[in-house]
Amino acid sequence: MSSSPPEIQRQPIAPKDQSRYAKSIQEGRAILAEGGSKADAARAIFRLINDEHRDVVLKAFQEGADVTPKGAPTYYYNINRKHRKNKT
């Protein structure tokens, strides 16, 4: 008899700085409105809130760069990897 594990409900993580989070979403939407790519918008968002928790950044990518929930982790991985590489 195999019982399934109980559903774990994760609490959403709130941004450390709500105003900076909102500004990052506005900047991402502005880039998209100017004809920029989703990647350009995601990079701009990441520059503003890269010190936030990963889940907060993923949510901002979805809201500000119109990235899908499945695509957001890919954007995060690629942008974060490049950011860390340039930091050293």
N, C-alpha and C. Protein backbone atom coordinates (compact mmCIF):
# COMPACT_ATOMS: atom_id res chain seq x y z
N MET A 1 0.84 -1.18 0.00
CA MET A 1 0.00 0.00 0.00
C MET A 1 0.88 1.24 0.00
N SER A 2 0.65 2.02 -0.97
CA SER A 2 1.43 3.25 -1.12
C SER A 2 0.53 4.46 -0.90
N SER A 3 0.87 5.22 0.07
CA SER A 3 0.07 6.43 0.29
C SER A 3 0.84 7.62 -0.25
N SER A 4 0.13 8.53 -0.84
CA SER A 4 0.79 9.70 -1.41
C SER A 4 1.16 10.67 -0.29
N PRO A 5 2.26 11.39 -0.49
CA PRO A 5 2.67 12.34 0.54
C PRO A 5 1.66 13.49 0.65
N PRO A 6 1.55 14.06 1.82
CA PRO A 6 0.59 15.16 1.97
C PRO A 6 1.02 16.36 1.14
N GLU A 7 0.03 17.09 0.68
CA GLU A 7 0.30 18.30 -0.11
C GLU A 7 0.94 19.34 0.80
N ILE A 8 2.01 19.90 0.34
CA ILE A 8 2.69 20.95 1.10
C ILE A 8 2.38 22.28 0.44
N GLN A 9 1.80 23.17 1.20
CA GLN A 9 1.48 24.49 0.67
C GLN A 9 2.60 25.43 1.06
N ARG A 10 3.24 26.01 0.05
CA ARG A 10 4.33 26.94 0.32
C ARG A 10 3.77 28.34 0.46
N GLN A 11 4.28 29.03 1.45
CA GLN A 11 3.90 30.42 1.64
C GLN A 11 4.63 31.26 0.61
N PRO A 12 3.91 32.16 -0.06
CA PRO A 12 4.61 33.04 -1.00
C PRO A 12 5.58 33.95 -0.25
N ILE A 13 6.74 34.15 -0.85
CA ILE A 13 7.76 34.98 -0.22
C ILE A 13 7.56 36.41 -0.68
N ALA A 14 7.50 37.32 0.27
CA ALA A 14 7.27 38.73 -0.04
C ALA A 14 8.59 39.42 -0.36
N PRO A 15 8.56 40.39 -1.28
CA PRO A 15 9.78 41.14 -1.58
C PRO A 15 10.28 41.90 -0.35
N LYS A 16 11.59 42.04 -0.24
CA LYS A 16 12.19 42.80 0.86
C LYS A 16 11.81 44.27 0.75
N ASP A 17 11.81 44.79 -0.49
CA ASP A 17 11.53 46.20 -0.74
C ASP A 17 10.45 46.28 -1.81
N GLN A 18 9.22 46.50 -1.40
CA GLN A 18 8.08 46.49 -2.31
C GLN A 18 8.19 47.57 -3.39
N SER A 19 8.72 48.73 -3.04
CA SER A 19 8.82 49.81 -4.03
C SER A 19 9.84 49.48 -5.12
N ARG A 20 10.95 48.86 -4.74
CA ARG A 20 11.95 48.46 -5.73
C ARG A 20 11.40 47.34 -6.62
N TYR A 21 10.62 46.45 -6.04
CA TYR A 21 9.98 45.37 -6.79
C TYR A 21 9.03 45.95 -7.82
N ALA A 22 8.20 46.91 -7.41
CA ALA A 22 7.24 47.54 -8.33
C ALA A 22 7.98 48.30 -9.43
N LYS A 23 9.07 48.97 -9.07
CA LYS A 23 9.85 49.72 -10.06
C LYS A 23 10.45 48.77 -11.09
N SER A 24 10.91 47.60 -10.65
CA SER A 24 11.50 46.64 -11.58
C SER A 24 10.46 46.14 -12.58
N ILE A 25 9.24 45.91 -12.11
CA ILE A 25 8.17 45.46 -13.00
C ILE A 25 7.83 46.55 -14.01
N GLN A 26 7.76 47.80 -13.55
CA GLN A 26 7.49 48.92 -14.45
C GLN A 26 8.58 49.04 -15.51
N GLU A 27 9.82 48.89 -15.10
CA GLU A 27 10.92 49.00 -16.06
C GLU A 27 10.86 47.87 -17.09
N GLY A 28 10.55 46.67 -16.64
CA GLY A 28 10.41 45.55 -17.57
C GLY A 28 9.30 45.78 -18.58
N ARG A 29 8.16 46.26 -18.11
CA ARG A 29 7.04 46.54 -19.02
C ARG A 29 7.39 47.66 -20.00
N ALA A 30 8.14 48.67 -19.54
CA ALA A 30 8.54 49.77 -20.41
C ALA A 30 9.45 49.26 -21.54
N ILE A 31 10.35 48.35 -21.21
CA ILE A 31 11.24 47.78 -22.23
C ILE A 31 10.43 47.01 -23.25
N LEU A 32 9.45 46.23 -22.80
CA LEU A 32 8.60 45.50 -23.73
C LEU A 32 7.80 46.45 -24.61
N ALA A 33 7.30 47.55 -24.03
CA ALA A 33 6.51 48.52 -24.78
C ALA A 33 7.35 49.21 -25.85
N GLU A 34 8.65 49.37 -25.58
CA GLU A 34 9.55 49.99 -26.56
C GLU A 34 9.98 49.02 -27.64
N GLY A 35 9.53 47.78 -27.56
CA GLY A 35 9.88 46.79 -28.57
C GLY A 35 11.06 45.91 -28.18
N GLY A 36 11.48 45.99 -26.92
CA GLY A 36 12.58 45.15 -26.44
C GLY A 36 12.13 43.71 -26.25
N SER A 37 13.08 42.84 -26.09
CA SER A 37 12.77 41.42 -25.93
C SER A 37 12.44 41.09 -24.48
N LYS A 38 11.88 39.90 -24.27
CA LYS A 38 11.61 39.43 -22.92
C LYS A 38 12.92 39.29 -22.14
N ALA A 39 13.96 38.86 -22.83
CA ALA A 39 15.26 38.71 -22.18
C ALA A 39 15.80 40.07 -21.72
N ASP A 40 15.64 41.10 -22.54
CA ASP A 40 16.08 42.44 -22.16
C ASP A 40 15.32 42.91 -20.92
N ALA A 41 14.01 42.67 -20.92
CA ALA A 41 13.18 43.07 -19.78
C ALA A 41 13.58 42.30 -18.53
N ALA A 42 13.83 41.00 -18.67
CA ALA A 42 14.22 40.17 -17.53
C ALA A 42 15.57 40.62 -16.97
N ARG A 43 16.50 40.98 -17.85
CA ARG A 43 17.82 41.45 -17.38
C ARG A 43 17.67 42.75 -16.60
N ALA A 44 16.82 43.66 -17.07
CA ALA A 44 16.60 44.93 -16.37
C ALA A 44 15.98 44.68 -15.00
N ILE A 45 15.03 43.75 -14.94
CA ILE A 45 14.39 43.41 -13.66
C ILE A 45 15.43 42.82 -12.71
N PHE A 46 16.25 41.92 -13.21
CA PHE A 46 17.25 41.26 -12.37
C PHE A 46 18.24 42.27 -11.82
N ARG A 47 18.66 43.25 -12.63
CA ARG A 47 19.61 44.26 -12.16
C ARG A 47 19.07 45.01 -10.94
N LEU A 48 17.77 45.24 -10.91
CA LEU A 48 17.18 46.00 -9.81
C LEU A 48 16.93 45.17 -8.56
N ILE A 49 16.61 43.90 -8.73
CA ILE A 49 16.21 43.10 -7.56
C ILE A 49 17.00 41.80 -7.43
N ASN A 50 18.27 41.80 -7.84
CA ASN A 50 19.05 40.55 -7.80
C ASN A 50 19.34 40.07 -6.39
N ASP A 51 19.13 40.91 -5.38
CA ASP A 51 19.37 40.47 -4.00
C ASP A 51 18.13 39.86 -3.34
N GLU A 52 17.03 39.82 -4.08
CA GLU A 52 15.80 39.23 -3.57
C GLU A 52 15.86 37.70 -3.66
N HIS A 53 14.95 37.04 -2.98
CA HIS A 53 14.83 35.58 -3.03
C HIS A 53 14.48 35.16 -4.47
N ARG A 54 14.92 33.99 -4.86
CA ARG A 54 14.71 33.49 -6.22
C ARG A 54 13.23 33.53 -6.62
N ASP A 55 12.34 33.12 -5.71
CA ASP A 55 10.91 33.09 -6.03
C ASP A 55 10.36 34.49 -6.31
N VAL A 56 10.89 35.49 -5.64
CA VAL A 56 10.45 36.86 -5.86
C VAL A 56 10.87 37.32 -7.26
N VAL A 57 12.10 36.99 -7.63
CA VAL A 57 12.60 37.37 -8.96
C VAL A 57 11.81 36.65 -10.05
N LEU A 58 11.50 35.38 -9.84
CA LEU A 58 10.72 34.63 -10.82
C LEU A 58 9.34 35.25 -11.02
N LYS A 59 8.72 35.64 -9.92
CA LYS A 59 7.40 36.29 -10.00
C LYS A 59 7.50 37.62 -10.75
N ALA A 60 8.56 38.37 -10.49
CA ALA A 60 8.76 39.64 -11.19
C ALA A 60 8.97 39.41 -12.69
N PHE A 61 9.69 38.36 -13.06
CA PHE A 61 9.87 38.03 -14.48
C PHE A 61 8.52 37.77 -15.13
N GLN A 62 7.66 37.04 -14.43
CA GLN A 62 6.35 36.72 -14.98
C GLN A 62 5.48 37.96 -15.15
N GLU A 63 5.55 38.86 -14.16
CA GLU A 63 4.71 40.05 -14.18
C GLU A 63 5.28 41.16 -15.07
N GLY A 64 6.59 41.33 -15.06
CA GLY A 64 7.19 42.46 -15.75
C GLY A 64 7.75 42.16 -17.12
N ALA A 65 8.07 40.89 -17.39
CA ALA A 65 8.66 40.54 -18.68
C ALA A 65 7.78 39.59 -19.48
N ASP A 66 6.57 39.34 -18.99
CA ASP A 66 5.62 38.43 -19.65
C ASP A 66 6.23 37.07 -19.96
N VAL A 67 7.04 36.57 -19.02
CA VAL A 67 7.63 35.25 -19.15
C VAL A 67 6.67 34.25 -18.54
N THR A 68 6.60 33.05 -19.12
CA THR A 68 5.72 32.02 -18.60
C THR A 68 6.28 31.45 -17.29
N PRO A 69 5.42 30.83 -16.49
CA PRO A 69 5.92 30.21 -15.24
C PRO A 69 6.98 29.14 -15.51
N LYS A 70 6.90 28.44 -16.62
CA LYS A 70 7.91 27.43 -16.94
C LYS A 70 9.19 28.07 -17.48
N GLY A 71 9.07 29.23 -18.11
CA GLY A 71 10.24 29.89 -18.70
C GLY A 71 11.02 30.73 -17.71
N ALA A 72 10.36 31.20 -16.66
CA ALA A 72 11.00 32.09 -15.70
C ALA A 72 12.26 31.48 -15.06
N PRO A 73 12.25 30.22 -14.63
CA PRO A 73 13.47 29.66 -14.04
C PRO A 73 14.64 29.60 -15.03
N THR A 74 14.34 29.41 -16.31
CA THR A 74 15.39 29.38 -17.32
C THR A 74 16.03 30.75 -17.47
N TYR A 75 15.18 31.79 -17.54
CA TYR A 75 15.71 33.15 -17.61
C TYR A 75 16.55 33.43 -16.36
N TYR A 76 16.04 33.05 -15.20
CA TYR A 76 16.75 33.30 -13.94
C TYR A 76 18.11 32.61 -13.96
N TYR A 77 18.14 31.36 -14.35
CA TYR A 77 19.39 30.60 -14.36
C TYR A 77 20.42 31.28 -15.27
N ASN A 78 20.02 31.60 -16.49
CA ASN A 78 20.95 32.18 -17.45
C ASN A 78 21.44 33.56 -17.03
N ILE A 79 20.53 34.41 -16.56
CA ILE A 79 20.90 35.75 -16.17
C ILE A 79 21.75 35.72 -14.90
N ASN A 80 21.37 34.90 -13.94
CA ASN A 80 22.12 34.81 -12.68
C ASN A 80 23.52 34.24 -12.93
N ARG A 81 23.63 33.28 -13.80
CA ARG A 81 24.94 32.69 -14.12
C ARG A 81 25.86 33.74 -14.74
N LYS A 82 25.33 34.52 -15.67
CA LYS A 82 26.12 35.57 -16.30
C LYS A 82 26.49 36.65 -15.28
N HIS A 83 25.56 36.98 -14.39
CA HIS A 83 25.80 37.98 -13.35
C HIS A 83 26.93 37.54 -12.43
N ARG A 84 26.88 36.30 -11.98
CA ARG A 84 27.92 35.77 -11.09
C ARG A 84 29.28 35.73 -11.80
N LYS A 85 29.27 35.37 -13.08
CA LYS A 85 30.51 35.29 -13.86
C LYS A 85 31.15 36.67 -14.00
N ASN A 86 30.33 37.70 -14.25
CA ASN A 86 30.85 39.04 -14.41
C ASN A 86 31.28 39.66 -13.08
N LYS A 87 30.73 39.15 -11.98
CA LYS A 87 31.03 39.66 -10.66
C LYS A 87 32.46 39.32 -10.23
N THR A 88 32.96 38.19 -10.68
CA THR A 88 34.30 37.74 -10.26
C THR A 88 35.41 38.33 -11.08
